[in-house]
Structures are given as structure tokens and as C-alpha cells.
Amino acid sequence: MSCVHRAPAGLKLGVCLALILGLATLPAQHPWWALAALPGLLLVALLSRLELAPLLRRFSLGLPFLLGAASLSLFQPHGLALELALGAFVKAAICLFSLLLLSSTTPLSELVSSLRRVHVPELLCETLLLLARYSALLSDEARRMRRARAGRTLRASRWQLWRALGNSLGLLFIRTVSRAERVQLAMRSRGGA
């Protein structure tokens, strides 16, 4: 376990939030100043001895959302639309990377207890814990459905695959909620949460 992992969760959360708020307050004319935070974040990643491949994989999952949000700046009426979009993308990418470092080096239970200490609403804290608890159920159900769909669809056009994927997402939500309710009922019957 590295020194970054052993650091108090409240300290890591505070530094991460300060960085994000600092990047958010950067003027739109100088978004490239955000790159000054990148060496520090890379040093933290190096000190925490995180594997690069999983970190980049998780970062790439957020890229479409970052690109979508940054592309909204392209609709600005002045001539600086492209510069504003690139600046927004850089700032958002650095914020995402800092949140990934925080979540990779701090257990969720410690983060939630730190959030409770600073009086974040209890409903939000419970929602975060439930999300973490039931995300394994969601991924397990998605894996089972993907295997079943692969066994049924031997050859299909691209349109049929997209249609099947849309139907699968709806069914995945329904089956996951149903399974989560069954798990919760079983936990209640045993005296758990």
C-alpha cells in the first residue's frame, strides 16, 4: 500500500475538490493554465503505484461525455468557439483524472464517512453506498444477458444488433431492479440493512 493510499480520505477529498473548484474558476481566456495541475496528478499516480492500463480504460469511459460537454462550447456566438471547446475539454479531462485518482486510492466507505463529516446530505451518501453495493449486481446481470443474446443471435444486421442492444438495456434495468429488490428483501429477512 502506497503513501497515497494511506493518506486520510478527508485530505484527499479536500485536495481533489479544491483542484476541481480551482479549475472551474479559471477564466475562459486562459484554460491552458489547467495543464499546470497535470504534473502533480501524474506524480500522485506514480506515487500511488497504480497500473496504467486500468486507469486509462476507466478514463476512456468518460471521454465521450467530456467531448459532448465540450462540444457545447462550439455554439458560442463569438469567434473563439474552438478555443473555448478545447479549453473546456482540457479542464474537464483533468478534473476527471483527479476524480479517478481519488476513487482508485480511497475506499468508498472512507469517502462517504468523510462526506458525512462535512455534512453532505445523508440521502446522497446512502445513494452512493447503494450504487457501489448494487453495481456488482448490474454488471453480473449484464454479463448473463450478453451471453444469452450472443447465443440467440447468430447473424444479424447492424440495425438488428442496435435494436437488440436497446431492448437489452431496458430489460437489464428491469431485471437489475427486480434482483436488487430480492436481495434487499433477503437482507431484511436476515436482519440486515
Foldseek 3Di string as FASTA:
>chain_A
DFPLLVDQLLVLVVVLVVLLVVLVPDDLVPLVVNCVCVVVLVVLCVRVVDDDVVLVVVLVVCLVVLLVVLQVLLPDPDPCSVSSSVSSSSSVSSSVSSVSSSPVSYPLVSNLVSVVVVPDDPVVSVVSVVCVVLVVVLVVLLVVVVVVVCVVPPDDDPVVVVVVVVVVVVVSVVVSVVVVVVVVVVQVVVVHD
